[in-house]
PDB file of all heavy atoms in Angstrom:
ATOM      1  N   VAL A   1      21.492 -17.727 -15.040  1.00  0.00           N
ATOM      2  CA  VAL A   1      21.270 -18.636 -16.161  1.00  0.00           C
ATOM      3  C   VAL A   1      22.352 -19.713 -16.166  1.00  0.00           C
ATOM      4  O   VAL A   1      23.542 -19.391 -16.276  1.00  0.00           O
ATOM      5  CB  VAL A   1      21.270 -17.870 -17.497  1.00  0.00           C
ATOM      6  CG1 VAL A   1      20.958 -18.818 -18.645  1.00  0.00           C
ATOM      7  CG2 VAL A   1      20.264 -16.717 -17.465  1.00  0.00           C
ATOM      8  N   PRO A   2      21.981 -20.992 -16.040  1.00  0.00           N
ATOM      9  CA  PRO A   2      22.992 -22.056 -16.032  1.00  0.00           C
ATOM     10  C   PRO A   2      23.786 -22.104 -17.331  1.00  0.00           C
ATOM     11  O   PRO A   2      23.263 -21.785 -18.409  1.00  0.00           O
ATOM     12  CB  PRO A   2      22.155 -23.330 -15.857  1.00  0.00           C
ATOM     13  CG  PRO A   2      20.857 -22.866 -15.255  1.00  0.00           C
ATOM     14  CD  PRO A   2      20.628 -21.507 -15.833  1.00  0.00           C
ATOM     15  N   ALA A   3      25.027 -22.479 -17.213  1.00  0.00           N
ATOM     16  CA  ALA A   3      25.882 -22.607 -18.400  1.00  0.00           C
ATOM     17  C   ALA A   3      25.258 -23.597 -19.381  1.00  0.00           C
ATOM     18  O   ALA A   3      24.737 -24.646 -18.988  1.00  0.00           O
ATOM     19  CB  ALA A   3      27.275 -23.065 -17.985  1.00  0.00           C
ATOM     20  N   GLY A   4      25.295 -23.249 -20.644  1.00  0.00           N
ATOM     21  CA  GLY A   4      24.763 -24.120 -21.682  1.00  0.00           C
ATOM     22  C   GLY A   4      23.300 -23.893 -22.002  1.00  0.00           C
ATOM     23  O   GLY A   4      22.778 -24.470 -22.959  1.00  0.00           O
ATOM     24  N   THR A   5      22.623 -23.058 -21.215  1.00  0.00           N
ATOM     25  CA  THR A   5      21.213 -22.757 -21.483  1.00  0.00           C
ATOM     26  C   THR A   5      21.095 -21.865 -22.720  1.00  0.00           C
ATOM     27  O   THR A   5      21.792 -20.851 -22.825  1.00  0.00           O
ATOM     28  CB  THR A   5      20.564 -22.033 -20.282  1.00  0.00           C
ATOM     29  OG1 THR A   5      20.656 -22.868 -19.136  1.00  0.00           O
ATOM     30  CG2 THR A   5      19.109 -21.713 -20.564  1.00  0.00           C
ATOM     31  N   VAL A   6      20.247 -22.251 -23.641  1.00  0.00           N
ATOM     32  CA  VAL A   6      20.010 -21.446 -24.838  1.00  0.00           C
ATOM     33  C   VAL A   6      18.791 -20.568 -24.581  1.00  0.00           C
ATOM     34  O   VAL A   6      17.690 -21.065 -24.331  1.00  0.00           O
ATOM     35  CB  VAL A   6      19.782 -22.328 -26.080  1.00  0.00           C
ATOM     36  CG1 VAL A   6      19.541 -21.449 -27.310  1.00  0.00           C
ATOM     37  CG2 VAL A   6      20.969 -23.256 -26.299  1.00  0.00           C
ATOM     38  N   LEU A   7      18.990 -19.271 -24.625  1.00  0.00           N
ATOM     39  CA  LEU A   7      17.908 -18.336 -24.338  1.00  0.00           C
ATOM     40  C   LEU A   7      17.091 -18.026 -25.589  1.00  0.00           C
ATOM     41  O   LEU A   7      17.631 -18.000 -26.708  1.00  0.00           O
ATOM     42  CB  LEU A   7      18.474 -17.037 -23.770  1.00  0.00           C
ATOM     43  CG  LEU A   7      19.147 -17.130 -22.396  1.00  0.00           C
ATOM     44  CD1 LEU A   7      19.752 -15.785 -22.011  1.00  0.00           C
ATOM     45  CD2 LEU A   7      18.166 -17.589 -21.331  1.00  0.00           C
ATOM     46  N   ALA A   8      15.805 -17.788 -25.390  1.00  0.00           N
ATOM     47  CA  ALA A   8      14.943 -17.364 -26.490  1.00  0.00           C
ATOM     48  C   ALA A   8      15.324 -15.952 -26.919  1.00  0.00           C
ATOM     49  O   ALA A   8      15.786 -15.140 -26.107  1.00  0.00           O
ATOM     50  CB  ALA A   8      13.490 -17.398 -26.046  1.00  0.00           C
ATOM     51  N   GLU A   9      15.140 -15.676 -28.185  1.00  0.00           N
ATOM     52  CA  GLU A   9      15.444 -14.338 -28.678  1.00  0.00           C
ATOM     53  C   GLU A   9      14.495 -13.307 -28.070  1.00  0.00           C
ATOM     54  O   GLU A   9      14.883 -12.179 -27.768  1.00  0.00           O
ATOM     55  CB  GLU A   9      15.328 -14.326 -30.202  1.00  0.00           C
ATOM     56  CG  GLU A   9      15.699 -12.988 -30.824  1.00  0.00           C
ATOM     57  CD  GLU A   9      15.666 -13.024 -32.347  1.00  0.00           C
ATOM     58  OE1 GLU A   9      15.692 -14.130 -32.918  1.00  0.00           O
ATOM     59  OE2 GLU A   9      15.617 -11.933 -32.952  1.00  0.00           O
ATOM     60  N   LYS A  10      13.250 -13.717 -27.846  1.00  0.00           N
ATOM     61  CA  LYS A  10      12.243 -12.833 -27.275  1.00  0.00           C
ATOM     62  C   LYS A  10      12.126 -13.086 -25.779  1.00  0.00           C
ATOM     63  O   LYS A  10      11.636 -14.131 -25.356  1.00  0.00           O
ATOM     64  CB  LYS A  10      10.897 -13.074 -27.964  1.00  0.00           C
ATOM     65  CG  LYS A  10       9.795 -12.086 -27.608  1.00  0.00           C
ATOM     66  CD  LYS A  10       8.533 -12.405 -28.402  1.00  0.00           C
ATOM     67  CE  LYS A  10       7.410 -11.423 -28.104  1.00  0.00           C
ATOM     68  NZ  LYS A  10       6.181 -11.734 -28.875  1.00  0.00           N
ATOM     69  N   GLN A  11      12.595 -12.159 -24.969  1.00  0.00           N
ATOM     70  CA  GLN A  11      12.579 -12.303 -23.514  1.00  0.00           C
ATOM     71  C   GLN A  11      11.394 -11.530 -22.933  1.00  0.00           C
ATOM     72  O   GLN A  11      11.526 -10.434 -22.411  1.00  0.00           O
ATOM     73  CB  GLN A  11      13.906 -11.831 -22.920  1.00  0.00           C
ATOM     74  CG  GLN A  11      15.076 -12.750 -23.212  1.00  0.00           C
ATOM     75  CD  GLN A  11      14.921 -14.112 -22.535  1.00  0.00           C
ATOM     76  OE1 GLN A  11      14.536 -14.195 -21.382  1.00  0.00           O
ATOM     77  NE2 GLN A  11      15.243 -15.173 -23.272  1.00  0.00           N
ATOM     78  N   GLU A  12      10.203 -12.148 -23.040  1.00  0.00           N
ATOM     79  CA  GLU A  12       8.982 -11.523 -22.543  1.00  0.00           C
ATOM     80  C   GLU A  12       8.207 -12.543 -21.712  1.00  0.00           C
ATOM     81  O   GLU A  12       8.156 -13.723 -22.054  1.00  0.00           O
ATOM     82  CB  GLU A  12       8.122 -10.996 -23.689  1.00  0.00           C
ATOM     83  CG  GLU A  12       8.807  -9.889 -24.483  1.00  0.00           C
ATOM     84  CD  GLU A  12       7.926  -9.290 -25.564  1.00  0.00           C
ATOM     85  OE1 GLU A  12       6.749  -9.726 -25.669  1.00  0.00           O
ATOM     86  OE2 GLU A  12       8.394  -8.405 -26.303  1.00  0.00           O
ATOM     87  N   LEU A  13       7.601 -12.062 -20.645  1.00  0.00           N
ATOM     88  CA  LEU A  13       6.928 -12.919 -19.680  1.00  0.00           C
ATOM     89  C   LEU A  13       5.499 -12.414 -19.480  1.00  0.00           C
ATOM     90  O   LEU A  13       5.265 -11.209 -19.402  1.00  0.00           O
ATOM     91  CB  LEU A  13       7.680 -12.888 -18.349  1.00  0.00           C
ATOM     92  CG  LEU A  13       7.158 -13.746 -17.196  1.00  0.00           C
ATOM     93  CD1 LEU A  13       7.419 -15.225 -17.476  1.00  0.00           C
ATOM     94  CD2 LEU A  13       7.848 -13.333 -15.890  1.00  0.00           C
ATOM     95  N   VAL A  14       4.530 -13.348 -19.382  1.00  0.00           N
ATOM     96  CA  VAL A  14       3.144 -12.992 -19.082  1.00  0.00           C
ATOM     97  C   VAL A  14       2.748 -13.669 -17.773  1.00  0.00           C
ATOM     98  O   VAL A  14       2.833 -14.896 -17.651  1.00  0.00           O
ATOM     99  CB  VAL A  14       2.185 -13.413 -20.216  1.00  0.00           C
ATOM    100  CG1 VAL A  14       0.747 -12.994 -19.869  1.00  0.00           C
ATOM    101  CG2 VAL A  14       2.608 -12.790 -21.539  1.00  0.00           C
ATOM    102  N   ARG A  15       2.318 -12.850 -16.793  1.00  0.00           N
ATOM    103  CA  ARG A  15       1.932 -13.343 -15.470  1.00  0.00           C
ATOM    104  C   ARG A  15       0.495 -12.930 -15.173  1.00  0.00           C
ATOM    105  O   ARG A  15       0.101 -11.811 -15.492  1.00  0.00           O
ATOM    106  CB  ARG A  15       2.814 -12.738 -14.378  1.00  0.00           C
ATOM    107  CG  ARG A  15       4.276 -12.969 -14.535  1.00  0.00           C
ATOM    108  CD  ARG A  15       5.101 -12.209 -13.508  1.00  0.00           C
ATOM    109  NE  ARG A  15       4.672 -12.426 -12.117  1.00  0.00           N
ATOM    110  CZ  ARG A  15       5.424 -12.131 -11.060  1.00  0.00           C
ATOM    111  NH1 ARG A  15       6.630 -11.606 -11.225  1.00  0.00           N
ATOM    112  NH2 ARG A  15       4.975 -12.358  -9.838  1.00  0.00           N
ATOM    113  N   ASN A  16      -0.249 -13.827 -14.544  1.00  0.00           N
ATOM    114  CA  ASN A  16      -1.525 -13.393 -13.979  1.00  0.00           C
ATOM    115  C   ASN A  16      -1.262 -12.873 -12.579  1.00  0.00           C
ATOM    116  O   ASN A  16      -0.472 -13.441 -11.827  1.00  0.00           O
ATOM    117  CB  ASN A  16      -2.538 -14.533 -13.934  1.00  0.00           C
ATOM    118  CG  ASN A  16      -3.863 -14.087 -13.326  1.00  0.00           C
ATOM    119  OD1 ASN A  16      -4.213 -12.906 -13.401  1.00  0.00           O
ATOM    120  ND2 ASN A  16      -4.583 -15.006 -12.726  1.00  0.00           N
ATOM    121  N   ASN A  17      -1.961 -11.788 -12.218  1.00  0.00           N
ATOM    122  CA  ASN A  17      -1.757 -11.172 -10.911  1.00  0.00           C
ATOM    123  C   ASN A  17      -2.971 -11.321  -9.992  1.00  0.00           C
ATOM    124  O   ASN A  17      -2.994 -10.760  -8.904  1.00  0.00           O
ATOM    125  CB  ASN A  17      -1.423  -9.682 -11.086  1.00  0.00           C
ATOM    126  CG  ASN A  17      -0.740  -9.100  -9.876  1.00  0.00           C
ATOM    127  OD1 ASN A  17       0.082  -9.745  -9.243  1.00  0.00           O
ATOM    128  ND2 ASN A  17      -1.068  -7.861  -9.543  1.00  0.00           N
ATOM    129  N   GLY A  18      -3.996 -12.041 -10.436  1.00  0.00           N
ATOM    130  CA  GLY A  18      -5.117 -12.352  -9.563  1.00  0.00           C
ATOM    131  C   GLY A  18      -6.238 -11.338  -9.525  1.00  0.00           C
ATOM    132  O   GLY A  18      -7.402 -11.716  -9.469  1.00  0.00           O
ATOM    133  N   SER A  19      -5.917 -10.058  -9.532  1.00  0.00           N
ATOM    134  CA  SER A  19      -6.933  -9.000  -9.464  1.00  0.00           C
ATOM    135  C   SER A  19      -6.338  -7.701 -10.017  1.00  0.00           C
ATOM    136  O   SER A  19      -5.117  -7.591 -10.180  1.00  0.00           O
ATOM    137  CB  SER A  19      -7.392  -8.749  -8.023  1.00  0.00           C
ATOM    138  OG  SER A  19      -8.089  -9.850  -7.499  1.00  0.00           O
ATOM    139  N   GLU A  20      -7.215  -6.741 -10.241  1.00  0.00           N
ATOM    140  CA  GLU A  20      -6.769  -5.394 -10.594  1.00  0.00           C
ATOM    141  C   GLU A  20      -6.194  -4.742  -9.340  1.00  0.00           C
ATOM    142  O   GLU A  20      -6.831  -4.727  -8.281  1.00  0.00           O
ATOM    143  CB  GLU A  20      -7.952  -4.575 -11.108  1.00  0.00           C
ATOM    144  CG  GLU A  20      -7.638  -3.119 -11.408  1.00  0.00           C
ATOM    145  CD  GLU A  20      -6.716  -2.930 -12.603  1.00  0.00           C
ATOM    146  OE1 GLU A  20      -6.574  -3.873 -13.414  1.00  0.00           O
ATOM    147  OE2 GLU A  20      -6.144  -1.834 -12.719  1.00  0.00           O
ATOM    148  N   PRO A  21      -4.968  -4.206  -9.385  1.00  0.00           N
ATOM    149  CA  PRO A  21      -4.388  -3.582  -8.192  1.00  0.00           C
ATOM    150  C   PRO A  21      -5.170  -2.351  -7.754  1.00  0.00           C
ATOM    151  O   PRO A  21      -5.677  -1.598  -8.578  1.00  0.00           O
ATOM    152  CB  PRO A  21      -2.967  -3.218  -8.624  1.00  0.00           C
ATOM    153  CG  PRO A  21      -3.008  -3.162 -10.108  1.00  0.00           C
ATOM    154  CD  PRO A  21      -4.040  -4.158 -10.530  1.00  0.00           C
ATOM    155  N   ALA A  22      -5.245  -2.161  -6.441  1.00  0.00           N
ATOM    156  CA  ALA A  22      -5.930  -0.986  -5.904  1.00  0.00           C
ATOM    157  C   ALA A  22      -5.159   0.281  -6.212  1.00  0.00           C
ATOM    158  O   ALA A  22      -5.726   1.356  -6.386  1.00  0.00           O
ATOM    159  CB  ALA A  22      -6.115  -1.140  -4.399  1.00  0.00           C
ATOM    160  N   SER A  23      -3.832   0.163  -6.286  1.00  0.00           N
ATOM    161  CA  SER A  23      -2.953   1.300  -6.578  1.00  0.00           C
ATOM    162  C   SER A  23      -1.568   0.745  -6.853  1.00  0.00           C
ATOM    163  O   SER A  23      -1.287  -0.427  -6.565  1.00  0.00           O
ATOM    164  CB  SER A  23      -2.915   2.264  -5.381  1.00  0.00           C
ATOM    165  OG  SER A  23      -1.931   3.269  -5.571  1.00  0.00           O
ATOM    166  N   LEU A  24      -0.689   1.583  -7.414  1.00  0.00           N
ATOM    167  CA  LEU A  24       0.727   1.227  -7.520  1.00  0.00           C
ATOM    168  C   LEU A  24       1.570   2.137  -6.635  1.00  0.00           C
ATOM    169  O   LEU A  24       2.794   2.168  -6.764  1.00  0.00           O
ATOM    170  CB  LEU A  24       1.193   1.303  -8.981  1.00  0.00           C
ATOM    171  CG  LEU A  24       0.622   0.224  -9.907  1.00  0.00           C
ATOM    172  CD1 LEU A  24       1.169   0.392 -11.320  1.00  0.00           C
ATOM    173  CD2 LEU A  24       0.928  -1.171  -9.384  1.00  0.00           C
ATOM    174  N   ASP A  25       0.912   2.862  -5.747  1.00  0.00           N
ATOM    175  CA  ASP A  25       1.618   3.679  -4.762  1.00  0.00           C
ATOM    176  C   ASP A  25       1.963   2.776  -3.580  1.00  0.00           C
ATOM    177  O   ASP A  25       1.064   2.254  -2.919  1.00  0.00           O
ATOM    178  CB  ASP A  25       0.712   4.826  -4.312  1.00  0.00           C
ATOM    179  CG  ASP A  25       1.404   5.817  -3.382  1.00  0.00           C
ATOM    180  OD1 ASP A  25       2.283   5.399  -2.611  1.00  0.00           O
ATOM    181  OD2 ASP A  25       1.045   7.018  -3.422  1.00  0.00           O
ATOM    182  N   PRO A  26       3.245   2.556  -3.287  1.00  0.00           N
ATOM    183  CA  PRO A  26       3.621   1.634  -2.206  1.00  0.00           C
ATOM    184  C   PRO A  26       3.049   1.997  -0.841  1.00  0.00           C
ATOM    185  O   PRO A  26       2.995   1.147   0.045  1.00  0.00           O
ATOM    186  CB  PRO A  26       5.157   1.725  -2.188  1.00  0.00           C
ATOM    187  CG  PRO A  26       5.528   2.121  -3.576  1.00  0.00           C
ATOM    188  CD  PRO A  26       4.433   3.056  -4.018  1.00  0.00           C
ATOM    189  N   HIS A  27       2.622   3.240  -0.658  1.00  0.00           N
ATOM    190  CA  HIS A  27       2.068   3.667   0.631  1.00  0.00           C
ATOM    191  C   HIS A  27       0.548   3.523   0.694  1.00  0.00           C
ATOM    192  O   HIS A  27      -0.046   3.798   1.737  1.00  0.00           O
ATOM    193  CB  HIS A  27       2.451   5.116   0.910  1.00  0.00           C
ATOM    194  CG  HIS A  27       3.912   5.324   1.068  1.00  0.00           C
ATOM    195  ND1 HIS A  27       4.507   6.573   1.026  1.00  0.00           N
ATOM    196  CD2 HIS A  27       4.931   4.437   1.277  1.00  0.00           C
ATOM    197  CE1 HIS A  27       5.810   6.445   1.191  1.00  0.00           C
ATOM    198  NE2 HIS A  27       6.082   5.157   1.332  1.00  0.00           N
ATOM    199  N   LYS A  28      -0.082   3.092  -0.405  1.00  0.00           N
ATOM    200  CA  LYS A  28      -1.540   3.030  -0.443  1.00  0.00           C
ATOM    201  C   LYS A  28      -2.068   1.600  -0.561  1.00  0.00           C
ATOM    202  O   LYS A  28      -3.273   1.411  -0.742  1.00  0.00           O
ATOM    203  CB  LYS A  28      -2.059   3.861  -1.615  1.00  0.00           C
ATOM    204  CG  LYS A  28      -1.658   5.343  -1.587  1.00  0.00           C
ATOM    205  CD  LYS A  28      -2.295   6.088  -0.422  1.00  0.00           C
ATOM    206  CE  LYS A  28      -1.892   7.558  -0.391  1.00  0.00           C
ATOM    207  NZ  LYS A  28      -2.503   8.332  -1.476  1.00  0.00           N
ATOM    208  N   VAL A  29      -1.197   0.608  -0.441  1.00  0.00           N
ATOM    209  CA  VAL A  29      -1.600  -0.775  -0.717  1.00  0.00           C
ATOM    210  C   VAL A  29      -1.211  -1.693   0.440  1.00  0.00           C
ATOM    211  O   VAL A  29      -0.446  -1.315   1.323  1.00  0.00           O
ATOM    212  CB  VAL A  29      -0.960  -1.276  -2.025  1.00  0.00           C
ATOM    213  CG1 VAL A  29      -1.416  -0.418  -3.204  1.00  0.00           C
ATOM    214  CG2 VAL A  29       0.574  -1.264  -1.936  1.00  0.00           C
ATOM    215  N   GLU A  30      -1.739  -2.935   0.388  1.00  0.00           N
ATOM    216  CA  GLU A  30      -1.496  -3.848   1.502  1.00  0.00           C
ATOM    217  C   GLU A  30      -1.462  -5.320   1.119  1.00  0.00           C
ATOM    218  O   GLU A  30      -1.223  -6.172   1.968  1.00  0.00           O
ATOM    219  CB  GLU A  30      -2.576  -3.661   2.565  1.00  0.00           C
ATOM    220  CG  GLU A  30      -3.990  -3.884   2.044  1.00  0.00           C
ATOM    221  CD  GLU A  30      -5.047  -3.476   3.057  1.00  0.00           C
ATOM    222  OE1 GLU A  30      -5.059  -4.042   4.164  1.00  0.00           O
ATOM    223  OE2 GLU A  30      -5.847  -2.569   2.743  1.00  0.00           O
ATOM    224  N   SER A  31      -1.693  -5.667  -0.155  1.00  0.00           N
ATOM    225  CA  SER A  31      -1.781  -7.085  -0.509  1.00  0.00           C
ATOM    226  C   SER A  31      -0.735  -7.449  -1.551  1.00  0.00           C
ATOM    227  O   SER A  31      -0.132  -6.596  -2.204  1.00  0.00           O
ATOM    228  CB  SER A  31      -3.173  -7.408  -1.059  1.00  0.00           C
ATOM    229  OG  SER A  31      -3.270  -7.056  -2.429  1.00  0.00           O
ATOM    230  N   ASN A  32      -0.572  -8.787  -1.737  1.00  0.00           N
ATOM    231  CA  ASN A  32       0.404  -9.259  -2.725  1.00  0.00           C
ATOM    232  C   ASN A  32      -0.016  -8.925  -4.149  1.00  0.00           C
ATOM    233  O   ASN A  32       0.817  -8.942  -5.057  1.00  0.00           O
ATOM    234  CB  ASN A  32       0.650 -10.759  -2.573  1.00  0.00           C
ATOM    235  CG  ASN A  32      -0.609 -11.595  -2.706  1.00  0.00           C
ATOM    236  OD1 ASN A  32      -1.728 -11.098  -2.587  1.00  0.00           O
ATOM    237  ND2 ASN A  32      -0.443 -12.881  -2.943  1.00  0.00           N
ATOM    238  N   VAL A  33      -1.294  -8.607  -4.369  1.00  0.00           N
ATOM    239  CA  VAL A  33      -1.726  -8.166  -5.699  1.00  0.00           C
ATOM    240  C   VAL A  33      -0.926  -6.931  -6.120  1.00  0.00           C
ATOM    241  O   VAL A  33      -0.449  -6.837  -7.255  1.00  0.00           O
ATOM    242  CB  VAL A  33      -3.242  -7.861  -5.707  1.00  0.00           C
ATOM    243  CG1 VAL A  33      -3.646  -7.144  -6.985  1.00  0.00           C
ATOM    244  CG2 VAL A  33      -4.040  -9.141  -5.534  1.00  0.00           C
ATOM    245  N   GLU A  34      -0.779  -5.990  -5.210  1.00  0.00           N
ATOM    246  CA  GLU A  34      -0.039  -4.764  -5.505  1.00  0.00           C
ATOM    247  C   GLU A  34       1.449  -4.907  -5.198  1.00  0.00           C
ATOM    248  O   GLU A  34       2.303  -4.422  -5.951  1.00  0.00           O
ATOM    249  CB  GLU A  34      -0.597  -3.595  -4.687  1.00  0.00           C
ATOM    250  CG  GLU A  34      -2.043  -3.240  -5.000  1.00  0.00           C
ATOM    251  CD  GLU A  34      -3.050  -4.081  -4.237  1.00  0.00           C
ATOM    252  OE1 GLU A  34      -2.643  -4.724  -3.228  1.00  0.00           O
ATOM    253  OE2 GLU A  34      -4.216  -4.123  -4.644  1.00  0.00           O
ATOM    254  N   LEU A  35       1.771  -5.573  -4.096  1.00  0.00           N
ATOM    255  CA  LEU A  35       3.169  -5.625  -3.659  1.00  0.00           C
ATOM    256  C   LEU A  35       4.045  -6.451  -4.586  1.00  0.00           C
ATOM    257  O   LEU A  35       5.253  -6.219  -4.678  1.00  0.00           O
ATOM    258  CB  LEU A  35       3.250  -6.146  -2.220  1.00  0.00           C
ATOM    259  CG  LEU A  35       2.569  -5.248  -1.173  1.00  0.00           C
ATOM    260  CD1 LEU A  35       2.692  -5.855   0.219  1.00  0.00           C
ATOM    261  CD2 LEU A  35       3.140  -3.842  -1.194  1.00  0.00           C
ATOM    262  N   SER A  36       3.452  -7.415  -5.302  1.00  0.00           N
ATOM    263  CA  SER A  36       4.235  -8.161  -6.298  1.00  0.00           C
ATOM    264  C   SER A  36       4.711  -7.238  -7.414  1.00  0.00           C
ATOM    265  O   SER A  36       5.875  -7.286  -7.839  1.00  0.00           O
ATOM    266  CB  SER A  36       3.399  -9.302  -6.882  1.00  0.00           C
ATOM    267  OG  SER A  36       3.119 -10.270  -5.910  1.00  0.00           O
ATOM    268  N   LEU A  37       3.816  -6.389  -7.888  1.00  0.00           N
ATOM    269  CA  LEU A  37       4.185  -5.407  -8.910  1.00  0.00           C
ATOM    270  C   LEU A  37       5.212  -4.423  -8.387  1.00  0.00           C
ATOM    271  O   LEU A  37       6.222  -4.124  -9.055  1.00  0.00           O
ATOM    272  CB  LEU A  37       2.935  -4.655  -9.365  1.00  0.00           C
ATOM    273  CG  LEU A  37       2.052  -5.336 -10.411  1.00  0.00           C
ATOM    274  CD1 LEU A  37       0.616  -4.877 -10.270  1.00  0.00           C
ATOM    275  CD2 LEU A  37       2.579  -5.042 -11.812  1.00  0.00           C
ATOM    276  N   ILE A  38       4.967  -3.911  -7.188  1.00  0.00           N
ATOM    277  CA  ILE A  38       5.866  -2.919  -6.607  1.00  0.00           C
ATOM    278  C   ILE A  38       7.253  -3.505  -6.390  1.00  0.00           C
ATOM    279  O   ILE A  38       8.266  -2.851  -6.644  1.00  0.00           O
ATOM    280  CB  ILE A  38       5.257  -2.380  -5.293  1.00  0.00           C
ATOM    281  CG1 ILE A  38       4.068  -1.461  -5.639  1.00  0.00           C
ATOM    282  CG2 ILE A  38       6.285  -1.630  -4.454  1.00  0.00           C
ATOM    283  CD1 ILE A  38       3.165  -1.155  -4.477  1.00  0.00           C
ATOM    284  N   SER A  39       7.314  -4.771  -5.959  1.00  0.00           N
ATOM    285  CA  SER A  39       8.612  -5.406  -5.726  1.00  0.00           C
ATOM    286  C   SER A  39       9.391  -5.609  -7.015  1.00  0.00           C
ATOM    287  O   SER A  39      10.623  -5.658  -6.996  1.00  0.00           O
ATOM    288  CB  SER A  39       8.420  -6.748  -5.022  1.00  0.00           C
ATOM    289  OG  SER A  39       7.875  -6.565  -3.737  1.00  0.00           O
ATOM    290  N   ASP A  40       8.699  -5.753  -8.133  1.00  0.00           N
ATOM    291  CA  ASP A  40       9.379  -5.870  -9.422  1.00  0.00           C
ATOM    292  C   ASP A  40       9.932  -4.528  -9.892  1.00  0.00           C
ATOM    293  O   ASP A  40      10.903  -4.482 -10.640  1.00  0.00           O
ATOM    294  CB  ASP A  40       8.410  -6.409 -10.473  1.00  0.00           C
ATOM    295  CG  ASP A  40       8.738  -7.839 -10.882  1.00  0.00           C
ATOM    296  OD1 ASP A  40       9.377  -8.542 -10.078  1.00  0.00           O
ATOM    297  OD2 ASP A  40       8.353  -8.249 -11.990  1.00  0.00           O
ATOM    298  N   MET A  41       9.280  -3.437  -9.456  1.00  0.00           N
ATOM    299  CA  MET A  41       9.640  -2.120  -9.993  1.00  0.00           C
ATOM    300  C   MET A  41      10.440  -1.245  -9.018  1.00  0.00           C
ATOM    301  O   MET A  41      10.968  -0.214  -9.432  1.00  0.00           O
ATOM    302  CB  MET A  41       8.374  -1.380 -10.428  1.00  0.00           C
ATOM    303  CG  MET A  41       7.678  -2.041 -11.610  1.00  0.00           C
ATOM    304  SD  MET A  41       6.322  -1.051 -12.299  1.00  0.00           S
ATOM    305  CE  MET A  41       5.070  -1.248 -11.040  1.00  0.00           C
TER     306      MET A  41
END
């Protein structure tokens, strides 16, 4: 966060992920639909 940036009190983000993930098991998936979620977690 750059110096002087005023942050919102509510730190919540809404993202579209393109499709329903096939799984959240890292060994059962192959696309960025699932891997984006897995990389966040």
